[in-house]
Amino acid sequence: MRLFALASASGTSAGGIAGAIVIGVVLMALWLLPIAVAYHRRVRGIGMIVTVTLLLGWTLIGWVVALAMSFTSNVKPD
């Protein structure tokens, strides 16, 4: 019983490549979610959130910290 399908003799299947691209786009969107939330909420100090997300967002702890920072109440008035 195979757990993973092997690529065909001509190379990788188009469905496998498309699936990998979709998964990559979804993961990138989740990785950048703290920046999008901070931008939408107009949080002051968005530069720090961008920095933490880009440098430490690949770790779960860094991503959670950046997301928590994006939900602060320190927003710019309308």
Protein backbone atom coordinates (compact mmCIF):
# COMPACT_ATOMS: atom_id res chain seq x y z
CA MET A 1 0.00 0.00 0.00
CA ARG A 2 1.43 3.34 -1.02
CA LEU A 3 0.95 6.38 1.15
CA PHE A 4 2.05 8.83 -1.52
CA ALA A 5 1.56 8.60 -5.26
CA LEU A 6 4.77 8.64 -7.24
CA ALA A 7 5.28 11.13 -10.04
CA SER A 8 4.73 9.88 -13.55
CA ALA A 9 7.65 9.03 -15.82
CA SER A 10 7.37 12.39 -17.60
CA GLY A 11 7.75 14.39 -14.37
CA THR A 12 5.44 15.68 -11.69
CA SER A 13 1.73 15.81 -12.31
CA ALA A 14 0.02 19.13 -13.00
CA GLY A 15 -2.40 18.49 -10.16
CA GLY A 16 0.45 18.04 -7.73
CA ILE A 17 2.07 21.30 -8.78
CA ALA A 18 -1.23 23.19 -8.62
CA GLY A 19 -1.93 21.74 -5.18
CA ALA A 20 1.50 22.76 -3.95
CA ILE A 21 0.97 26.29 -5.24
CA VAL A 22 -2.43 26.55 -3.53
CA ILE A 23 -1.00 25.28 -0.25
CA GLY A 24 1.91 27.71 -0.56
CA VAL A 25 -0.41 30.67 -1.15
CA VAL A 26 -2.61 29.72 1.81
CA LEU A 27 0.42 29.34 4.10
CA MET A 28 1.82 32.69 2.93
CA ALA A 29 -1.53 34.37 3.63
CA LEU A 30 -1.62 32.88 7.13
CA TRP A 31 1.99 33.94 7.73
CA LEU A 32 1.17 37.54 6.77
CA LEU A 33 -2.17 37.62 8.63
CA PRO A 34 -0.85 39.73 11.57
CA ILE A 35 0.27 42.45 9.12
CA ALA A 36 -3.11 42.46 7.37
CA VAL A 37 -4.99 42.67 10.67
CA ALA A 38 -2.80 45.53 11.92
CA TYR A 39 -3.18 47.41 8.64
CA HIS A 40 -6.96 46.95 8.62
CA ARG A 41 -7.27 48.06 12.24
CA ARG A 42 -4.86 50.99 11.67
CA VAL A 43 -2.64 49.98 14.58
CA ARG A 44 0.12 52.38 15.60
CA GLY A 45 3.56 50.86 15.43
CA ILE A 46 2.75 48.63 12.48
CA GLY A 47 6.46 48.64 11.64
CA MET A 48 7.19 46.57 14.73
CA ILE A 49 4.48 44.09 13.78
CA VAL A 50 5.91 43.81 10.27
CA THR A 51 9.40 43.27 11.70
CA VAL A 52 8.30 40.58 14.15
CA THR A 53 6.22 38.84 11.49
CA LEU A 54 8.97 38.80 8.89
CA LEU A 55 11.78 37.82 11.26
CA LEU A 56 10.02 35.56 13.76
CA GLY A 57 6.70 34.76 12.10
CA TRP A 58 8.02 31.43 10.83
CA THR A 59 8.02 30.22 14.44
CA LEU A 60 4.68 29.63 16.10
CA ILE A 61 5.58 31.78 19.10
CA GLY A 62 6.73 34.70 16.95
CA TRP A 63 3.59 34.49 14.83
CA VAL A 64 1.32 34.44 17.89
CA VAL A 65 3.17 37.43 19.38
CA ALA A 66 2.79 39.39 16.13
CA LEU A 67 -0.91 38.48 15.93
CA ALA A 68 -1.44 39.58 19.55
CA MET A 69 0.36 42.85 18.80
CA SER A 70 -1.97 43.44 15.86
CA PHE A 71 -5.01 43.21 18.15
CA THR A 72 -3.81 45.92 20.56
CA SER A 73 -6.10 48.81 21.35
CA ASN A 74 -3.47 51.37 20.28
CA VAL A 75 -5.15 52.35 17.03
CA LYS A 76 -5.09 55.61 15.09
CA PRO A 77 -8.27 57.68 15.49
CA ASP A 78 -10.51 58.04 12.43
